[in-house]
């Protein structure tokens, strides 16, 4: 069985008794960057409300779903079953696709607001785009490792 980076970190916290649960635990960084996107988009002006609504939906949905998965994994609800590996892979592939679509739309909205909006709102949207692409990248990386783990299970 090939060793993935997730397997290397499986014993990272042996003193907490969570080592068996950490092998399947989603990483928090996408959740952190997703939360920043959520905050930045909520506080900024976007010229197209539909775009802002989709970006907000994606960031809130992924934030809540990732938090729920982390809690379920940490309390041991997965019991090492293969179906949880499938759920992890499916969720992170979906989240990566959602975030990619939200990032592209947020970037398009930001490009169109160069003229006619305040300097502050424009820069908030630039920050939201950057954090959205970082969250996309992190979800894609996790999806790849989840698919590798799913294939080997």
N, C-alpha and C. Protein backbone atom coordinates (compact mmCIF):
# COMPACT_ATOMS: atom_id res chain seq x y z
N UNK A 1 0.86 -1.18 0.00
CA UNK A 1 0.00 0.00 0.00
C UNK A 1 0.90 1.23 0.00
N UNK A 2 0.69 2.16 -0.95
CA UNK A 2 1.53 3.37 -1.00
C UNK A 2 1.25 4.28 0.20
N UNK A 3 2.29 4.96 0.64
CA UNK A 3 2.17 5.88 1.76
C UNK A 3 1.90 7.27 1.21
N UNK A 4 0.82 7.89 1.66
CA UNK A 4 0.48 9.24 1.23
C UNK A 4 0.90 10.21 2.32
N UNK A 5 0.97 11.51 2.01
CA UNK A 5 1.30 12.50 3.03
C UNK A 5 0.33 12.46 4.22
N UNK A 6 -0.92 12.08 3.98
CA UNK A 6 -1.88 11.98 5.07
C UNK A 6 -1.46 10.88 6.04
N UNK A 7 -0.88 9.78 5.52
CA UNK A 7 -0.43 8.69 6.37
C UNK A 7 0.76 9.11 7.22
N UNK A 8 1.61 9.97 6.66
CA UNK A 8 2.79 10.40 7.40
C UNK A 8 2.41 11.23 8.63
N UNK A 9 1.28 11.93 8.57
CA UNK A 9 0.85 12.77 9.68
C UNK A 9 -0.11 12.05 10.61
N UNK A 10 -0.38 10.77 10.36
CA UNK A 10 -1.40 10.08 11.14
C UNK A 10 -1.04 9.96 12.61
N UNK A 11 0.23 9.98 12.96
CA UNK A 11 0.62 9.89 14.36
C UNK A 11 1.12 11.19 14.91
N UNK A 12 0.70 12.30 14.32
CA UNK A 12 1.23 13.61 14.68
C UNK A 12 0.91 14.02 16.12
N UNK A 13 -0.19 13.57 16.66
CA UNK A 13 -0.58 13.94 18.02
C UNK A 13 -0.82 12.68 18.86
N UNK A 14 0.23 11.90 19.11
CA UNK A 14 0.01 10.65 19.82
C UNK A 14 -0.46 10.84 21.25
N UNK A 15 -0.13 11.94 21.88
CA UNK A 15 -0.52 12.17 23.26
C UNK A 15 -2.00 12.46 23.43
N UNK A 16 -2.69 12.81 22.37
CA UNK A 16 -4.10 13.16 22.46
C UNK A 16 -5.02 11.98 22.19
N UNK A 17 -4.46 10.86 21.79
CA UNK A 17 -5.28 9.70 21.49
C UNK A 17 -6.10 9.85 20.23
N UNK A 18 -5.69 10.75 19.35
CA UNK A 18 -6.43 11.00 18.13
C UNK A 18 -5.71 10.47 16.90
N UNK A 19 -4.65 9.72 17.10
CA UNK A 19 -3.81 9.35 15.96
C UNK A 19 -4.56 8.53 14.92
N UNK A 20 -5.49 7.67 15.33
CA UNK A 20 -6.21 6.88 14.33
C UNK A 20 -7.22 7.73 13.57
N UNK A 21 -7.73 8.80 14.18
CA UNK A 21 -8.70 9.65 13.51
C UNK A 21 -8.08 10.68 12.59
N UNK A 22 -6.82 11.03 12.83
CA UNK A 22 -6.19 12.07 12.03
C UNK A 22 -5.86 11.62 10.61
N UNK A 23 -5.82 10.33 10.37
CA UNK A 23 -5.51 9.85 9.03
C UNK A 23 -6.56 10.33 8.03
N UNK A 24 -7.80 10.47 8.46
CA UNK A 24 -8.88 10.86 7.56
C UNK A 24 -9.34 12.30 7.75
N UNK A 25 -8.71 13.02 8.67
CA UNK A 25 -9.16 14.36 8.99
C UNK A 25 -8.84 15.35 7.88
N UNK A 26 -9.85 16.12 7.42
CA UNK A 26 -9.57 17.17 6.43
C UNK A 26 -8.70 18.25 7.06
N UNK A 27 -7.86 18.85 6.26
CA UNK A 27 -6.97 19.87 6.80
C UNK A 27 -7.71 21.19 6.97
N UNK A 28 -7.45 21.90 8.06
CA UNK A 28 -8.15 23.16 8.31
C UNK A 28 -7.78 24.33 7.41
N UNK A 29 -6.59 24.42 6.78
CA UNK A 29 -6.30 25.62 5.99
C UNK A 29 -7.33 26.00 4.94
N UNK A 30 -7.93 25.05 4.18
CA UNK A 30 -8.96 25.52 3.24
C UNK A 30 -10.12 26.19 3.96
N UNK A 31 -10.44 25.70 5.14
CA UNK A 31 -11.51 26.26 5.93
C UNK A 31 -11.16 27.68 6.39
N UNK A 32 -9.92 27.89 6.76
CA UNK A 32 -9.48 29.21 7.21
C UNK A 32 -9.54 30.21 6.06
N UNK A 33 -8.99 29.82 4.90
CA UNK A 33 -9.03 30.73 3.75
C UNK A 33 -10.46 30.93 3.26
N UNK A 34 -11.29 29.90 3.33
CA UNK A 34 -12.69 30.03 2.97
C UNK A 34 -13.42 31.00 3.88
N UNK A 35 -13.09 30.97 5.16
CA UNK A 35 -13.68 31.92 6.11
C UNK A 35 -13.27 33.35 5.79
N UNK A 36 -12.02 33.54 5.37
CA UNK A 36 -11.57 34.87 4.97
C UNK A 36 -12.30 35.36 3.72
N UNK A 37 -12.54 34.45 2.77
CA UNK A 37 -13.32 34.82 1.58
C UNK A 37 -14.71 35.24 2.00
N UNK A 38 -15.32 34.48 2.88
CA UNK A 38 -16.66 34.76 3.38
C UNK A 38 -16.71 36.16 3.98
N UNK A 39 -15.76 36.48 4.83
CA UNK A 39 -15.73 37.78 5.50
C UNK A 39 -15.50 38.92 4.50
N UNK A 40 -14.54 38.72 3.60
CA UNK A 40 -14.22 39.78 2.64
C UNK A 40 -15.35 40.06 1.66
N UNK A 41 -15.98 39.01 1.17
CA UNK A 41 -17.08 39.21 0.21
C UNK A 41 -18.29 39.83 0.92
N UNK A 42 -18.53 39.42 2.16
CA UNK A 42 -19.66 39.98 2.90
C UNK A 42 -19.47 41.47 3.18
N UNK A 43 -18.23 41.91 3.33
CA UNK A 43 -17.99 43.32 3.67
C UNK A 43 -17.75 44.21 2.46
N UNK A 44 -17.68 43.63 1.27
CA UNK A 44 -17.37 44.43 0.09
C UNK A 44 -18.60 44.65 -0.78
N UNK A 45 -18.43 45.54 -1.72
CA UNK A 45 -19.47 45.78 -2.72
C UNK A 45 -19.10 45.03 -3.99
N UNK A 46 -20.01 44.21 -4.46
CA UNK A 46 -19.80 43.48 -5.71
C UNK A 46 -20.85 43.99 -6.69
N UNK A 47 -20.43 44.31 -7.93
CA UNK A 47 -21.38 44.92 -8.86
C UNK A 47 -22.52 43.99 -9.26
N UNK A 48 -22.34 42.69 -9.17
CA UNK A 48 -23.37 41.73 -9.55
C UNK A 48 -23.80 40.93 -8.33
N UNK A 49 -25.01 41.17 -7.81
CA UNK A 49 -25.46 40.46 -6.61
C UNK A 49 -25.49 38.94 -6.77
N UNK A 50 -25.77 38.46 -7.98
CA UNK A 50 -25.82 37.02 -8.20
C UNK A 50 -24.44 36.38 -7.99
N UNK A 51 -23.39 37.07 -8.43
CA UNK A 51 -22.03 36.58 -8.22
C UNK A 51 -21.70 36.57 -6.73
N UNK A 52 -22.05 37.65 -6.05
CA UNK A 52 -21.79 37.72 -4.62
C UNK A 52 -22.55 36.62 -3.89
N UNK A 53 -23.77 36.35 -4.30
CA UNK A 53 -24.55 35.28 -3.68
C UNK A 53 -23.92 33.92 -3.87
N UNK A 54 -23.42 33.63 -5.08
CA UNK A 54 -22.79 32.33 -5.33
C UNK A 54 -21.49 32.18 -4.52
N UNK A 55 -20.67 33.24 -4.48
CA UNK A 55 -19.43 33.18 -3.73
C UNK A 55 -19.72 33.00 -2.24
N UNK A 56 -20.72 33.70 -1.74
CA UNK A 56 -21.10 33.55 -0.33
C UNK A 56 -21.62 32.15 -0.04
N UNK A 57 -22.45 31.61 -0.94
CA UNK A 57 -22.96 30.26 -0.76
C UNK A 57 -21.82 29.25 -0.70
N UNK A 58 -20.89 29.35 -1.64
CA UNK A 58 -19.77 28.41 -1.69
C UNK A 58 -18.93 28.51 -0.43
N UNK A 59 -18.58 29.72 -0.03
CA UNK A 59 -17.70 29.87 1.13
C UNK A 59 -18.40 29.42 2.42
N UNK A 60 -19.66 29.75 2.59
CA UNK A 60 -20.38 29.32 3.81
C UNK A 60 -20.62 27.81 3.79
N UNK A 61 -21.04 27.27 2.65
CA UNK A 61 -21.29 25.83 2.54
C UNK A 61 -20.02 25.03 2.84
N UNK A 62 -18.91 25.42 2.21
CA UNK A 62 -17.66 24.68 2.42
C UNK A 62 -17.14 24.85 3.84
N UNK A 63 -17.32 26.04 4.41
CA UNK A 63 -16.89 26.26 5.79
C UNK A 63 -17.66 25.36 6.75
N UNK A 64 -18.97 25.33 6.60
CA UNK A 64 -19.81 24.51 7.49
C UNK A 64 -19.57 23.02 7.25
N UNK A 65 -19.50 22.61 6.00
CA UNK A 65 -19.30 21.19 5.69
C UNK A 65 -17.94 20.70 6.16
N UNK A 66 -16.89 21.49 5.97
CA UNK A 66 -15.56 21.10 6.42
C UNK A 66 -15.50 21.04 7.94
N UNK A 67 -16.12 22.00 8.61
CA UNK A 67 -16.17 21.97 10.07
C UNK A 67 -16.90 20.72 10.56
N UNK A 68 -18.01 20.40 9.92
CA UNK A 68 -18.77 19.20 10.30
C UNK A 68 -17.94 17.94 10.09
N UNK A 69 -17.25 17.84 8.95
CA UNK A 69 -16.41 16.67 8.70
C UNK A 69 -15.27 16.56 9.71
N UNK A 70 -14.65 17.67 10.04
CA UNK A 70 -13.57 17.64 11.03
C UNK A 70 -14.09 17.13 12.36
N UNK A 71 -15.22 17.65 12.80
CA UNK A 71 -15.79 17.21 14.08
C UNK A 71 -16.14 15.73 14.04
N UNK A 72 -16.78 15.28 12.95
CA UNK A 72 -17.13 13.87 12.84
C UNK A 72 -15.90 12.96 12.83
N UNK A 73 -14.85 13.39 12.15
CA UNK A 73 -13.63 12.59 12.13
C UNK A 73 -12.96 12.56 13.49
N UNK A 74 -12.92 13.70 14.17
CA UNK A 74 -12.25 13.76 15.46
C UNK A 74 -12.97 12.97 16.54
N UNK A 75 -14.30 12.87 16.47
CA UNK A 75 -15.02 12.08 17.47
C UNK A 75 -15.06 10.60 17.10
N UNK A 76 -14.50 10.27 15.94
CA UNK A 76 -14.39 8.86 15.55
C UNK A 76 -15.63 8.28 14.92
N UNK A 77 -16.47 9.12 14.34
CA UNK A 77 -17.70 8.62 13.72
C UNK A 77 -17.41 7.78 12.49
N UNK A 78 -16.24 7.91 11.91
CA UNK A 78 -15.92 7.18 10.68
C UNK A 78 -15.62 5.72 10.94
N UNK A 79 -15.14 5.36 12.10
CA UNK A 79 -14.82 3.97 12.49
C UNK A 79 -13.96 3.27 11.45
N UNK A 80 -13.18 4.00 10.67
CA UNK A 80 -12.27 3.42 9.70
C UNK A 80 -12.95 2.79 8.50
N UNK A 81 -14.21 3.10 8.25
CA UNK A 81 -14.93 2.49 7.13
C UNK A 81 -14.54 3.13 5.81
N UNK A 82 -14.61 2.33 4.76
CA UNK A 82 -14.25 2.79 3.42
C UNK A 82 -15.22 3.85 2.90
N UNK A 83 -16.47 3.78 3.32
CA UNK A 83 -17.45 4.76 2.85
C UNK A 83 -17.07 6.19 3.25
N UNK A 84 -16.37 6.36 4.37
CA UNK A 84 -15.93 7.69 4.78
C UNK A 84 -14.82 8.21 3.89
N UNK A 85 -13.98 7.31 3.39
CA UNK A 85 -12.93 7.71 2.45
C UNK A 85 -13.59 8.18 1.16
N UNK A 86 -14.64 7.48 0.72
CA UNK A 86 -15.38 7.88 -0.48
C UNK A 86 -16.05 9.23 -0.26
N UNK A 87 -16.67 9.41 0.90
CA UNK A 87 -17.31 10.68 1.22
C UNK A 87 -16.29 11.81 1.23
N UNK A 88 -15.13 11.58 1.81
CA UNK A 88 -14.07 12.59 1.87
C UNK A 88 -13.63 12.98 0.46
N UNK A 89 -13.40 12.00 -0.40
CA UNK A 89 -12.97 12.28 -1.77
C UNK A 89 -14.05 13.02 -2.55
N UNK A 90 -15.29 12.56 -2.44
CA UNK A 90 -16.39 13.20 -3.17
C UNK A 90 -16.60 14.64 -2.70
N UNK A 91 -16.56 14.85 -1.38
CA UNK A 91 -16.77 16.20 -0.86
C UNK A 91 -15.67 17.15 -1.33
N UNK A 92 -14.41 16.73 -1.21
CA UNK A 92 -13.33 17.65 -1.55
C UNK A 92 -13.23 17.90 -3.06
N UNK A 93 -13.62 16.95 -3.87
CA UNK A 93 -13.69 17.20 -5.32
C UNK A 93 -14.80 18.21 -5.62
N UNK A 94 -15.94 18.06 -4.98
CA UNK A 94 -17.05 19.00 -5.16
C UNK A 94 -16.68 20.39 -4.65
N UNK A 95 -16.05 20.45 -3.47
CA UNK A 95 -15.65 21.74 -2.91
C UNK A 95 -14.63 22.43 -3.81
N UNK A 96 -13.70 21.67 -4.38
CA UNK A 96 -12.70 22.26 -5.28
C UNK A 96 -13.38 22.83 -6.52
N UNK A 97 -14.33 22.10 -7.08
CA UNK A 97 -15.05 22.58 -8.26
C UNK A 97 -15.88 23.83 -7.93
N UNK A 98 -16.58 23.80 -6.79
CA UNK A 98 -17.35 24.98 -6.36
C UNK A 98 -16.44 26.19 -6.18
N UNK A 99 -15.32 26.00 -5.48
CA UNK A 99 -14.43 27.13 -5.22
C UNK A 99 -13.79 27.65 -6.50
N UNK A 100 -13.49 26.76 -7.45
CA UNK A 100 -12.94 27.22 -8.71
C UNK A 100 -13.95 28.11 -9.44
N UNK A 101 -15.21 27.69 -9.47
CA UNK A 101 -16.23 28.51 -10.14
C UNK A 101 -16.43 29.84 -9.41
N UNK A 102 -16.42 29.81 -8.08
CA UNK A 102 -16.59 31.04 -7.31
C UNK A 102 -15.39 31.97 -7.50
N UNK A 103 -14.20 31.41 -7.57
CA UNK A 103 -13.00 32.23 -7.75
C UNK A 103 -13.00 32.93 -9.10
N UNK A 104 -13.36 32.20 -10.14
CA UNK A 104 -13.40 32.80 -11.48
C UNK A 104 -14.44 33.91 -11.53
N UNK A 105 -15.62 33.67 -10.97
CA UNK A 105 -16.67 34.70 -10.98
C UNK A 105 -16.27 35.92 -10.14
N UNK A 106 -15.64 35.69 -8.99
CA UNK A 106 -15.21 36.81 -8.15
C UNK A 106 -14.11 37.61 -8.86
N UNK A 107 -13.22 36.94 -9.55
CA UNK A 107 -12.17 37.64 -10.31
C UNK A 107 -12.79 38.48 -11.43
N UNK A 108 -13.76 37.92 -12.13
CA UNK A 108 -14.44 38.65 -13.20
C UNK A 108 -15.15 39.88 -12.64
N UNK A 109 -15.84 39.71 -11.52
CA UNK A 109 -16.54 40.85 -10.89
C UNK A 109 -15.55 41.91 -10.44
N UNK A 110 -14.39 41.50 -9.95
CA UNK A 110 -13.38 42.45 -9.50
C UNK A 110 -12.78 43.22 -10.67
N UNK A 111 -12.55 42.54 -11.77
CA UNK A 111 -12.00 43.20 -12.96
C UNK A 111 -12.97 44.27 -13.47
N UNK A 112 -14.25 43.96 -13.44
CA UNK A 112 -15.23 44.92 -13.96
C UNK A 112 -15.46 46.11 -13.03
N UNK A 113 -15.00 46.04 -11.79
CA UNK A 113 -15.26 47.15 -10.86
C UNK A 113 -14.04 48.06 -10.70
N UNK A 114 -13.10 48.04 -11.61
CA UNK A 114 -11.95 48.94 -11.53
C UNK A 114 -12.37 50.40 -11.55
N UNK A 115 -13.36 50.70 -12.34
CA UNK A 115 -13.83 52.08 -12.45
C UNK A 115 -15.16 52.23 -11.73
N UNK A 116 -15.31 53.29 -10.98
CA UNK A 116 -16.59 53.59 -10.37
C UNK A 116 -16.76 53.09 -8.94
N UNK A 117 -15.80 52.38 -8.40
CA UNK A 117 -15.90 51.92 -7.02
C UNK A 117 -14.73 52.51 -6.23
N UNK A 118 -14.90 52.55 -4.93
CA UNK A 118 -13.84 53.12 -4.11
C UNK A 118 -12.62 52.20 -4.08
N UNK A 119 -11.51 52.79 -3.76
CA UNK A 119 -10.23 52.08 -3.66
C UNK A 119 -10.33 50.93 -2.65
N UNK A 120 -10.98 51.18 -1.53
CA UNK A 120 -11.11 50.18 -0.46
C UNK A 120 -11.90 48.96 -0.92
N UNK A 121 -13.03 49.18 -1.58
CA UNK A 121 -13.85 48.05 -2.04
C UNK A 121 -13.13 47.24 -3.10
N UNK A 122 -12.41 47.92 -3.96
CA UNK A 122 -11.67 47.22 -5.02
C UNK A 122 -10.60 46.32 -4.40
N UNK A 123 -9.89 46.83 -3.41
CA UNK A 123 -8.83 46.04 -2.78
C UNK A 123 -9.39 44.92 -1.90
N UNK A 124 -10.53 45.12 -1.30
CA UNK A 124 -11.19 44.02 -0.57
C UNK A 124 -11.52 42.88 -1.53
N UNK A 125 -12.01 43.23 -2.70
CA UNK A 125 -12.34 42.19 -3.68
C UNK A 125 -11.09 41.50 -4.22
N UNK A 126 -10.00 42.24 -4.38
CA UNK A 126 -8.75 41.61 -4.80
C UNK A 126 -8.31 40.60 -3.75
N UNK A 127 -8.37 40.98 -2.49
CA UNK A 127 -8.00 40.06 -1.41
C UNK A 127 -8.92 38.84 -1.40
N UNK A 128 -10.21 39.05 -1.63
CA UNK A 128 -11.14 37.93 -1.68
C UNK A 128 -10.80 36.97 -2.82
N UNK A 129 -10.40 37.52 -3.96
CA UNK A 129 -10.02 36.68 -5.10
C UNK A 129 -8.77 35.87 -4.76
N UNK A 130 -7.78 36.51 -4.17
CA UNK A 130 -6.54 35.81 -3.82
C UNK A 130 -6.83 34.68 -2.84
N UNK A 131 -7.57 34.97 -1.77
CA UNK A 131 -7.87 33.94 -0.78
C UNK A 131 -8.76 32.85 -1.36
N UNK A 132 -9.62 33.21 -2.28
CA UNK A 132 -10.48 32.22 -2.92
C UNK A 132 -9.65 31.25 -3.77
N UNK A 133 -8.68 31.78 -4.49
CA UNK A 133 -7.81 30.89 -5.28
C UNK A 133 -6.91 30.04 -4.38
N UNK A 134 -6.47 30.58 -3.26
CA UNK A 134 -5.68 29.77 -2.31
C UNK A 134 -6.55 28.65 -1.74
N UNK A 135 -7.78 28.97 -1.37
CA UNK A 135 -8.70 27.93 -0.87
C UNK A 135 -8.97 26.88 -1.95
N UNK A 136 -9.12 27.32 -3.20
CA UNK A 136 -9.31 26.38 -4.31
C UNK A 136 -8.12 25.44 -4.42
N UNK A 137 -6.93 26.00 -4.38
CA UNK A 137 -5.72 25.19 -4.48
C UNK A 137 -5.65 24.17 -3.34
N UNK A 138 -5.95 24.60 -2.13
CA UNK A 138 -5.88 23.69 -0.99
C UNK A 138 -6.94 22.59 -1.08
N UNK A 139 -8.14 22.93 -1.54
CA UNK A 139 -9.16 21.90 -1.73
C UNK A 139 -8.77 20.93 -2.85
N UNK A 140 -8.14 21.42 -3.91
CA UNK A 140 -7.69 20.54 -4.99
C UNK A 140 -6.61 19.58 -4.48
N UNK A 141 -5.65 20.10 -3.72
CA UNK A 141 -4.58 19.25 -3.17
C UNK A 141 -5.19 18.18 -2.27
N UNK A 142 -6.11 18.58 -1.40
CA UNK A 142 -6.73 17.60 -0.53
C UNK A 142 -7.56 16.60 -1.33
N UNK A 143 -8.23 17.05 -2.38
CA UNK A 143 -9.01 16.14 -3.22
C UNK A 143 -8.10 15.11 -3.89
N UNK A 144 -6.94 15.54 -4.36
CA UNK A 144 -6.00 14.61 -4.99
C UNK A 144 -5.55 13.54 -3.99
N UNK A 145 -5.17 13.97 -2.79
CA UNK A 145 -4.75 12.99 -1.78
C UNK A 145 -5.91 12.10 -1.34
N UNK A 146 -7.10 12.66 -1.30
CA UNK A 146 -8.28 11.84 -0.95
C UNK A 146 -8.57 10.81 -2.04
N UNK A 147 -8.40 11.20 -3.29
CA UNK A 147 -8.60 10.25 -4.39
C UNK A 147 -7.53 9.16 -4.39
N UNK A 148 -6.30 9.51 -4.05
CA UNK A 148 -5.24 8.50 -3.93
C UNK A 148 -5.58 7.52 -2.82
N UNK A 149 -6.02 8.04 -1.68
CA UNK A 149 -6.40 7.19 -0.55
C UNK A 149 -7.62 6.35 -0.90
N UNK A 150 -8.58 6.93 -1.63
CA UNK A 150 -9.78 6.19 -2.04
C UNK A 150 -9.41 5.06 -3.00
N UNK A 151 -8.51 5.34 -3.92
CA UNK A 151 -8.11 4.31 -4.89
C UNK A 151 -7.40 3.15 -4.20
N UNK A 152 -6.63 3.43 -3.16
CA UNK A 152 -5.90 2.37 -2.48
C UNK A 152 -6.75 1.63 -1.44
N UNK A 153 -7.96 2.12 -1.17
CA UNK A 153 -8.80 1.45 -0.16
C UNK A 153 -9.68 0.37 -0.76
